[in-house]
Amino acid sequence: MVITPDGKVLIADSDNNRVLVWTSFPTISGQPADYELPITSYVNFGDSWPWGVWSDGTKVIVTATVAKSVLFWNTFPGPSTGS
């Protein structure tokens, strides 16, 4: 999990092969993510198991453990680039 300087929240959801993104900090328990980054769309591997996530608010790095991959975005991915 990471909280960016501008308040975005990213959580690696390993069991579902995705990174959940909230554009601002959730205000209620169980609040759905604003969008997701489906990691299997970026790696040719069934269960990628994203584990680590880092962002400075612009760049994003995700490690996909089972897929043995590191994914880089030089600009923060939005809903259209994430799905």
PDB file of N, CA and C in Angstrom:
ATOM      1  N   MET A   1       0.835  -1.173   0.000  1.00  0.00           N
ATOM      2  CA  MET A   1       0.000   0.000   0.000  1.00  0.00           C
ATOM      3  C   MET A   1       0.882   1.239   0.000  1.00  0.00           C
ATOM      4  N   VAL A   2       0.413   2.261  -0.703  1.00  0.00           N
ATOM      5  CA  VAL A   2       1.122   3.536  -0.708  1.00  0.00           C
ATOM      6  C   VAL A   2       0.090   4.658  -0.776  1.00  0.00           C
ATOM      7  N   ILE A   3       0.397   5.737  -0.089  1.00  0.00           N
ATOM      8  CA  ILE A   3      -0.379   6.972  -0.188  1.00  0.00           C
ATOM      9  C   ILE A   3       0.545   8.004  -0.811  1.00  0.00           C
ATOM     10  N   THR A   4       0.138   8.554  -1.944  1.00  0.00           N
ATOM     11  CA  THR A   4       0.975   9.516  -2.656  1.00  0.00           C
ATOM     12  C   THR A   4       0.909  10.881  -1.978  1.00  0.00           C
ATOM     13  N   PRO A   5       1.860  11.760  -2.267  1.00  0.00           N
ATOM     14  CA  PRO A   5       1.846  13.096  -1.666  1.00  0.00           C
ATOM     15  C   PRO A   5       0.554  13.879  -1.929  1.00  0.00           C
ATOM     16  N   ASP A   6      -0.109  13.585  -3.062  1.00  0.00           N
ATOM     17  CA  ASP A   6      -1.361  14.296  -3.357  1.00  0.00           C
ATOM     18  C   ASP A   6      -2.603  13.535  -2.890  1.00  0.00           C
ATOM     19  N   GLY A   7      -2.412  12.453  -2.108  1.00  0.00           N
ATOM     20  CA  GLY A   7      -3.525  11.779  -1.455  1.00  0.00           C
ATOM     21  C   GLY A   7      -4.118  10.571  -2.149  1.00  0.00           C
ATOM     22  N   LYS A   8      -3.560  10.144  -3.282  1.00  0.00           N
ATOM     23  CA  LYS A   8      -4.050   8.923  -3.920  1.00  0.00           C
ATOM     24  C   LYS A   8      -3.620   7.722  -3.077  1.00  0.00           C
ATOM     25  N   VAL A   9      -4.444   6.685  -3.076  1.00  0.00           N
ATOM     26  CA  VAL A   9      -4.150   5.469  -2.328  1.00  0.00           C
ATOM     27  C   VAL A   9      -4.094   4.309  -3.319  1.00  0.00           C
ATOM     28  N   LEU A  10      -3.013   3.528  -3.262  1.00  0.00           N
ATOM     29  CA  LEU A  10      -2.858   2.353  -4.116  1.00  0.00           C
ATOM     30  C   LEU A  10      -2.622   1.141  -3.227  1.00  0.00           C
ATOM     31  N   ILE A  11      -3.371   0.082  -3.481  1.00  0.00           N
ATOM     32  CA  ILE A  11      -3.231  -1.150  -2.711  1.00  0.00           C
ATOM     33  C   ILE A  11      -3.099  -2.316  -3.679  1.00  0.00           C
ATOM     34  N   ALA A  12      -2.064  -3.127  -3.498  1.00  0.00           N
ATOM     35  CA  ALA A  12      -1.890  -4.334  -4.303  1.00  0.00           C
ATOM     36  C   ALA A  12      -2.856  -5.396  -3.786  1.00  0.00           C
ATOM     37  N   ASP A  13      -3.749  -5.855  -4.642  1.00  0.00           N
ATOM     38  CA  ASP A  13      -4.714  -6.916  -4.331  1.00  0.00           C
ATOM     39  C   ASP A  13      -4.204  -8.185  -5.002  1.00  0.00           C
ATOM     40  N   SER A  14      -3.315  -8.878  -4.315  1.00  0.00           N
ATOM     41  CA  SER A  14      -2.614 -10.018  -4.903  1.00  0.00           C
ATOM     42  C   SER A  14      -3.553 -11.127  -5.353  1.00  0.00           C
ATOM     43  N   ASP A  15      -4.543 -11.461  -4.535  1.00  0.00           N
ATOM     44  CA  ASP A  15      -5.440 -12.568  -4.876  1.00  0.00           C
ATOM     45  C   ASP A  15      -6.239 -12.315  -6.149  1.00  0.00           C
ATOM     46  N   ASN A  16      -6.463 -11.058  -6.490  1.00  0.00           N
ATOM     47  CA  ASN A  16      -7.252 -10.724  -7.674  1.00  0.00           C
ATOM     48  C   ASN A  16      -6.417 -10.109  -8.796  1.00  0.00           C
ATOM     49  N   ASN A  17      -5.087 -10.177  -8.672  1.00  0.00           N
ATOM     50  CA  ASN A  17      -4.163  -9.744  -9.729  1.00  0.00           C
ATOM     51  C   ASN A  17      -4.413  -8.317 -10.200  1.00  0.00           C
ATOM     52  N   ARG A  18      -4.531  -7.408  -9.242  1.00  0.00           N
ATOM     53  CA  ARG A  18      -4.808  -6.016  -9.596  1.00  0.00           C
ATOM     54  C   ARG A  18      -4.265  -5.081  -8.532  1.00  0.00           C
ATOM     55  N   VAL A  19      -4.178  -3.818  -8.897  1.00  0.00           N
ATOM     56  CA  VAL A  19      -3.863  -2.758  -7.945  1.00  0.00           C
ATOM     57  C   VAL A  19      -5.087  -1.856  -7.896  1.00  0.00           C
ATOM     58  N   LEU A  20      -5.620  -1.657  -6.704  1.00  0.00           N
ATOM     59  CA  LEU A  20      -6.785  -0.794  -6.516  1.00  0.00           C
ATOM     60  C   LEU A  20      -6.316   0.635  -6.315  1.00  0.00           C
ATOM     61  N   VAL A  21      -7.037   1.587  -6.915  1.00  0.00           N
ATOM     62  CA  VAL A  21      -6.649   2.997  -6.855  1.00  0.00           C
ATOM     63  C   VAL A  21      -7.830   3.836  -6.375  1.00  0.00           C
ATOM     64  N   TRP A  22      -7.588   4.604  -5.327  1.00  0.00           N
ATOM     65  CA  TRP A  22      -8.524   5.626  -4.866  1.00  0.00           C
ATOM     66  C   TRP A  22      -7.875   6.965  -5.181  1.00  0.00           C
ATOM     67  N   THR A  23      -8.610   7.873  -5.800  1.00  0.00           N
ATOM     68  CA  THR A  23      -8.039   9.168  -6.166  1.00  0.00           C
ATOM     69  C   THR A  23      -7.912  10.096  -4.967  1.00  0.00           C
ATOM     70  N   SER A  24      -8.588   9.757  -3.883  1.00  0.00           N
ATOM     71  CA  SER A  24      -8.425  10.457  -2.605  1.00  0.00           C
ATOM     72  C   SER A  24      -8.655   9.429  -1.507  1.00  0.00           C
ATOM     73  N   PHE A  25      -8.209   9.744  -0.306  1.00  0.00           N
ATOM     74  CA  PHE A  25      -8.285   8.785   0.792  1.00  0.00           C
ATOM     75  C   PHE A  25      -9.742   8.401   1.050  1.00  0.00           C
ATOM     76  N   PRO A  26     -10.047   7.097   1.147  1.00  0.00           N
ATOM     77  CA  PRO A  26     -11.425   6.665   1.400  1.00  0.00           C
ATOM     78  C   PRO A  26     -11.971   7.276   2.695  1.00  0.00           C
ATOM     79  N   THR A  27     -13.233   7.661   2.650  1.00  0.00           N
ATOM     80  CA  THR A  27     -13.849   8.308   3.813  1.00  0.00           C
ATOM     81  C   THR A  27     -14.745   7.376   4.606  1.00  0.00           C
ATOM     82  N   ILE A  28     -15.092   6.205   4.026  1.00  0.00           N
ATOM     83  CA  ILE A  28     -15.918   5.238   4.745  1.00  0.00           C
ATOM     84  C   ILE A  28     -15.318   3.844   4.577  1.00  0.00           C
ATOM     85  N   SER A  29     -15.580   2.992   5.547  1.00  0.00           N
ATOM     86  CA  SER A  29     -15.112   1.614   5.482  1.00  0.00           C
ATOM     87  C   SER A  29     -15.807   0.889   4.328  1.00  0.00           C
ATOM     88  N   GLY A  30     -15.051   0.150   3.559  1.00  0.00           N
ATOM     89  CA  GLY A  30     -15.607  -0.598   2.446  1.00  0.00           C
ATOM     90  C   GLY A  30     -15.843   0.210   1.183  1.00  0.00           C
ATOM     91  N   GLN A  31     -15.355   1.444   1.164  1.00  0.00           N
ATOM     92  CA  GLN A  31     -15.542   2.296  -0.016  1.00  0.00           C
ATOM     93  C   GLN A  31     -14.852   1.659  -1.218  1.00  0.00           C
ATOM     94  N   PRO A  32     -15.581   1.450  -2.322  1.00  0.00           N
ATOM     95  CA  PRO A  32     -14.942   0.835  -3.490  1.00  0.00           C
ATOM     96  C   PRO A  32     -13.873   1.744  -4.095  1.00  0.00           C
ATOM     97  N   ALA A  33     -12.903   1.119  -4.715  1.00  0.00           N
ATOM     98  CA  ALA A  33     -11.843   1.879  -5.386  1.00  0.00           C
ATOM     99  C   ALA A  33     -12.434   2.658  -6.551  1.00  0.00           C
ATOM    100  N   ASP A  34     -11.772   3.749  -6.913  1.00  0.00           N
ATOM    101  CA  ASP A  34     -12.213   4.538  -8.062  1.00  0.00           C
ATOM    102  C   ASP A  34     -11.946   3.794  -9.370  1.00  0.00           C
ATOM    103  N   TYR A  35     -10.847   3.053  -9.421  1.00  0.00           N
ATOM    104  CA  TYR A  35     -10.549   2.206 -10.569  1.00  0.00           C
ATOM    105  C   TYR A  35      -9.454   1.234 -10.183  1.00  0.00           C
ATOM    106  N   GLU A  36      -9.142   0.332 -11.085  1.00  0.00           N
ATOM    107  CA  GLU A  36      -8.111  -0.667 -10.819  1.00  0.00           C
ATOM    108  C   GLU A  36      -7.155  -0.776 -11.992  1.00  0.00           C
ATOM    109  N   LEU A  37      -5.971  -1.245 -11.676  1.00  0.00           N
ATOM    110  CA  LEU A  37      -4.976  -1.583 -12.696  1.00  0.00           C
ATOM    111  C   LEU A  37      -4.925  -3.106 -12.761  1.00  0.00           C
ATOM    112  N   PRO A  38      -5.522  -3.724 -13.788  1.00  0.00           N
ATOM    113  CA  PRO A  38      -5.500  -5.187 -13.889  1.00  0.00           C
ATOM    114  C   PRO A  38      -4.130  -5.656 -14.382  1.00  0.00           C
ATOM    115  N   ILE A  39      -3.330  -6.157 -13.485  1.00  0.00           N
ATOM    116  CA  ILE A  39      -1.936  -6.483 -13.789  1.00  0.00           C
ATOM    117  C   ILE A  39      -1.819  -7.526 -14.898  1.00  0.00           C
ATOM    118  N   THR A  40      -2.764  -8.465 -14.982  1.00  0.00           N
ATOM    119  CA  THR A  40      -2.674  -9.484 -16.031  1.00  0.00           C
ATOM    120  C   THR A  40      -2.846  -8.887 -17.425  1.00  0.00           C
ATOM    121  N   SER A  41      -3.302  -7.648 -17.532  1.00  0.00           N
ATOM    122  CA  SER A  41      -3.364  -6.972 -18.833  1.00  0.00           C
ATOM    123  C   SER A  41      -1.976  -6.551 -19.308  1.00  0.00           C
ATOM    124  N   TYR A  42      -1.023  -6.500 -18.386  1.00  0.00           N
ATOM    125  CA  TYR A  42       0.319  -6.012 -18.707  1.00  0.00           C
ATOM    126  C   TYR A  42       1.366  -7.114 -18.752  1.00  0.00           C
ATOM    127  N   VAL A  43       1.102  -8.241 -18.132  1.00  0.00           N
ATOM    128  CA  VAL A  43       2.046  -9.362 -18.163  1.00  0.00           C
ATOM    129  C   VAL A  43       1.314 -10.579 -18.715  1.00  0.00           C
ATOM    130  N   ASN A  44       1.991 -11.367 -19.497  1.00  0.00           N
ATOM    131  CA  ASN A  44       1.393 -12.549 -20.102  1.00  0.00           C
ATOM    132  C   ASN A  44       1.535 -13.727 -19.143  1.00  0.00           C
ATOM    133  N   PHE A  45       0.766 -13.654 -18.071  1.00  0.00           N
ATOM    134  CA  PHE A  45       0.877 -14.665 -17.027  1.00  0.00           C
ATOM    135  C   PHE A  45      -0.452 -14.708 -16.295  1.00  0.00           C
ATOM    136  N   GLY A  46      -1.010 -15.879 -16.071  1.00  0.00           N
ATOM    137  CA  GLY A  46      -2.322 -16.005 -15.442  1.00  0.00           C
ATOM    138  C   GLY A  46      -2.424 -15.349 -14.080  1.00  0.00           C
ATOM    139  N   ASP A  47      -1.685 -15.855 -13.119  1.00  0.00           N
ATOM    140  CA  ASP A  47      -1.689 -15.281 -11.774  1.00  0.00           C
ATOM    141  C   ASP A  47      -0.400 -14.499 -11.577  1.00  0.00           C
ATOM    142  N   SER A  48      -0.490 -13.194 -11.693  1.00  0.00           N
ATOM    143  CA  SER A  48       0.718 -12.366 -11.587  1.00  0.00           C
ATOM    144  C   SER A  48       1.078 -12.055 -10.142  1.00  0.00           C
ATOM    145  N   TRP A  49       0.098 -12.018  -9.260  1.00  0.00           N
ATOM    146  CA  TRP A  49       0.261 -11.770  -7.834  1.00  0.00           C
ATOM    147  C   TRP A  49       1.044 -10.487  -7.554  1.00  0.00           C
ATOM    148  N   PRO A  50       0.440  -9.328  -7.845  1.00  0.00           N
ATOM    149  CA  PRO A  50       1.122  -8.071  -7.504  1.00  0.00           C
ATOM    150  C   PRO A  50       1.343  -7.986  -6.005  1.00  0.00           C
ATOM    151  N   TRP A  51       2.522  -7.576  -5.622  1.00  0.00           N
ATOM    152  CA  TRP A  51       2.879  -7.584  -4.207  1.00  0.00           C
ATOM    153  C   TRP A  51       3.283  -6.201  -3.718  1.00  0.00           C
ATOM    154  N   GLY A  52       4.241  -5.602  -4.365  1.00  0.00           N
ATOM    155  CA  GLY A  52       4.721  -4.297  -3.934  1.00  0.00           C
ATOM    156  C   GLY A  52       4.234  -3.204  -4.859  1.00  0.00           C
ATOM    157  N   VAL A  53       3.923  -2.054  -4.281  1.00  0.00           N
ATOM    158  CA  VAL A  53       3.498  -0.915  -5.084  1.00  0.00           C
ATOM    159  C   VAL A  53       4.143   0.340  -4.506  1.00  0.00           C
ATOM    160  N   TRP A  54       4.613   1.218  -5.393  1.00  0.00           N
ATOM    161  CA  TRP A  54       5.250   2.478  -4.996  1.00  0.00           C
ATOM    162  C   TRP A  54       4.801   3.554  -5.961  1.00  0.00           C
ATOM    163  N   SER A  55       4.635   4.761  -5.461  1.00  0.00           N
ATOM    164  CA  SER A  55       4.332   5.900  -6.315  1.00  0.00           C
ATOM    165  C   SER A  55       4.750   7.183  -5.629  1.00  0.00           C
ATOM    166  N   ASP A  56       5.182   8.135  -6.453  1.00  0.00           N
ATOM    167  CA  ASP A  56       5.466   9.474  -5.945  1.00  0.00           C
ATOM    168  C   ASP A  56       4.355  10.444  -6.337  1.00  0.00           C
ATOM    169  N   GLY A  57       3.251   9.900  -6.859  1.00  0.00           N
ATOM    170  CA  GLY A  57       2.139  10.721  -7.313  1.00  0.00           C
ATOM    171  C   GLY A  57       2.142  10.918  -8.814  1.00  0.00           C
ATOM    172  N   THR A  58       3.286  10.659  -9.448  1.00  0.00           N
ATOM    173  CA  THR A  58       3.392  10.734 -10.904  1.00  0.00           C
ATOM    174  C   THR A  58       3.765   9.367 -11.462  1.00  0.00           C
ATOM    175  N   LYS A  59       4.885   8.843 -11.030  1.00  0.00           N
ATOM    176  CA  LYS A  59       5.334   7.529 -11.477  1.00  0.00           C
ATOM    177  C   LYS A  59       4.745   6.450 -10.570  1.00  0.00           C
ATOM    178  N   VAL A  60       4.554   5.254 -11.147  1.00  0.00           N
ATOM    179  CA  VAL A  60       4.051   4.110 -10.386  1.00  0.00           C
ATOM    180  C   VAL A  60       4.920   2.908 -10.732  1.00  0.00           C
ATOM    181  N   ILE A  61       5.293   2.138  -9.706  1.00  0.00           N
ATOM    182  CA  ILE A  61       6.031   0.892  -9.892  1.00  0.00           C
ATOM    183  C   ILE A  61       5.281  -0.198  -9.140  1.00  0.00           C
ATOM    184  N   VAL A  62       5.075  -1.332  -9.819  1.00  0.00           N
ATOM    185  CA  VAL A  62       4.395  -2.477  -9.212  1.00  0.00           C
ATOM    186  C   VAL A  62       5.246  -3.713  -9.456  1.00  0.00           C
ATOM    187  N   THR A  63       5.447  -4.519  -8.421  1.00  0.00           N
ATOM    188  CA  THR A  63       6.112  -5.806  -8.603  1.00  0.00           C
ATOM    189  C   THR A  63       5.047  -6.886  -8.688  1.00  0.00           C
ATOM    190  N   ALA A  64       5.194  -7.762  -9.667  1.00  0.00           N
ATOM    191  CA  ALA A  64       4.292  -8.896  -9.841  1.00  0.00           C
ATOM    192  C   ALA A  64       5.103 -10.147  -9.528  1.00  0.00           C
ATOM    193  N   THR A  65       4.927 -10.677  -8.340  1.00  0.00           N
ATOM    194  CA  THR A  65       5.789 -11.715  -7.797  1.00  0.00           C
ATOM    195  C   THR A  65       5.806 -12.989  -8.633  1.00  0.00           C
ATOM    196  N   VAL A  66       4.655 -13.600  -8.858  1.00  0.00           N
ATOM    197  CA  VAL A  66       4.612 -14.868  -9.579  1.00  0.00           C
ATOM    198  C   VAL A  66       5.028 -14.685 -11.037  1.00  0.00           C
ATOM    199  N   ALA A  67       4.653 -13.553 -11.629  1.00  0.00           N
ATOM    200  CA  ALA A  67       5.025 -13.277 -13.021  1.00  0.00           C
ATOM    201  C   ALA A  67       6.488 -12.854 -13.154  1.00  0.00           C
ATOM    202  N   LYS A  68       7.157 -12.665 -12.020  1.00  0.00           N
ATOM    203  CA  LYS A  68       8.563 -12.249 -12.012  1.00  0.00           C
ATOM    204  C   LYS A  68       8.769 -11.001 -12.868  1.00  0.00           C
ATOM    205  N   SER A  69       7.915  -9.997 -12.623  1.00  0.00           N
ATOM    206  CA  SER A  69       7.936  -8.773 -13.423  1.00  0.00           C
ATOM    207  C   SER A  69       7.907  -7.543 -12.539  1.00  0.00           C
ATOM    208  N   VAL A  70       8.457  -6.469 -13.064  1.00  0.00           N
ATOM    209  CA  VAL A  70       8.338  -5.153 -12.448  1.00  0.00           C
ATOM    210  C   VAL A  70       7.734  -4.246 -13.506  1.00  0.00           C
ATOM    211  N   LEU A  71       6.626  -3.603 -13.166  1.00  0.00           N
ATOM    212  CA  LEU A  71       5.913  -2.742 -14.107  1.00  0.00           C
ATOM    213  C   LEU A  71       6.148  -1.293 -13.736  1.00  0.00           C
ATOM    214  N   PHE A  72       6.427  -0.467 -14.743  1.00  0.00           N
ATOM    215  CA  PHE A  72       6.689   0.962 -14.538  1.00  0.00           C
ATOM    216  C   PHE A  72       5.690   1.785 -15.341  1.00  0.00           C
ATOM    217  N   TRP A  73       5.150   2.816 -14.735  1.00  0.00           N
ATOM    218  CA  TRP A  73       4.380   3.843 -15.433  1.00  0.00           C
ATOM    219  C   TRP A  73       5.104   5.153 -15.166  1.00  0.00           C
ATOM    220  N   ASN A  74       5.472   5.863 -16.213  1.00  0.00           N
ATOM    221  CA  ASN A  74       6.148   7.151 -16.047  1.00  0.00           C
ATOM    222  C   ASN A  74       5.182   8.278 -15.752  1.00  0.00           C
ATOM    223  N   THR A  75       3.910   8.080 -16.091  1.00  0.00           N
ATOM    224  CA  THR A  75       2.851   9.015 -15.715  1.00  0.00           C
ATOM    225  C   THR A  75       1.772   8.212 -15.010  1.00  0.00           C
ATOM    226  N   PHE A  76       1.122   8.823 -14.056  1.00  0.00           N
ATOM    227  CA  PHE A  76       0.158   8.098 -13.233  1.00  0.00           C
ATOM    228  C   PHE A  76      -0.960   7.537 -14.108  1.00  0.00           C
ATOM    229  N   PRO A  77      -1.179   6.219 -14.057  1.00  0.00           N
ATOM    230  CA  PRO A  77      -2.206   5.618 -14.904  1.00  0.00           C
ATOM    231  C   PRO A  77      -3.607   5.980 -14.417  1.00  0.00           C
ATOM    232  N   GLY A  78      -4.461   6.306 -15.355  1.00  0.00           N
ATOM    233  CA  GLY A  78      -5.842   6.621 -15.033  1.00  0.00           C
ATOM    234  C   GLY A  78      -6.749   5.460 -15.370  1.00  0.00           C
ATOM    235  N   PRO A  79      -8.052   5.643 -15.214  1.00  0.00           N
ATOM    236  CA  PRO A  79      -8.994   4.552 -15.482  1.00  0.00           C
ATOM    237  C   PRO A  79      -8.886   4.001 -16.905  1.00  0.00           C
ATOM    238  N   SER A  80      -8.658   4.847 -17.877  1.00  0.00           N
ATOM    239  CA  SER A  80      -8.588   4.360 -19.257  1.00  0.00           C
ATOM    240  C   SER A  80      -7.287   3.622 -19.538  1.00  0.00           C
ATOM    241  N   THR A  81      -6.209   3.950 -18.830  1.00  0.00           N
ATOM    242  CA  THR A  81      -4.939   3.245 -19.031  1.00  0.00           C
ATOM    243  C   THR A  81      -4.832   2.040 -18.126  1.00  0.00           C
ATOM    244  N   GLY A  82      -5.699   1.961 -17.131  1.00  0.00           N
ATOM    245  CA  GLY A  82      -5.614   0.869 -16.177  1.00  0.00           C
ATOM    246  C   GLY A  82      -6.524  -0.286 -16.487  1.00  0.00           C
ATOM    247  N   SER A  83      -7.474  -0.112 -17.380  1.00  0.00           N
ATOM    248  CA  SER A  83      -8.388  -1.223 -17.643  1.00  0.00           C
ATOM    249  C   SER A  83      -8.537  -1.486 -19.121  1.00  0.00           C
TER     250      SER A  83
END
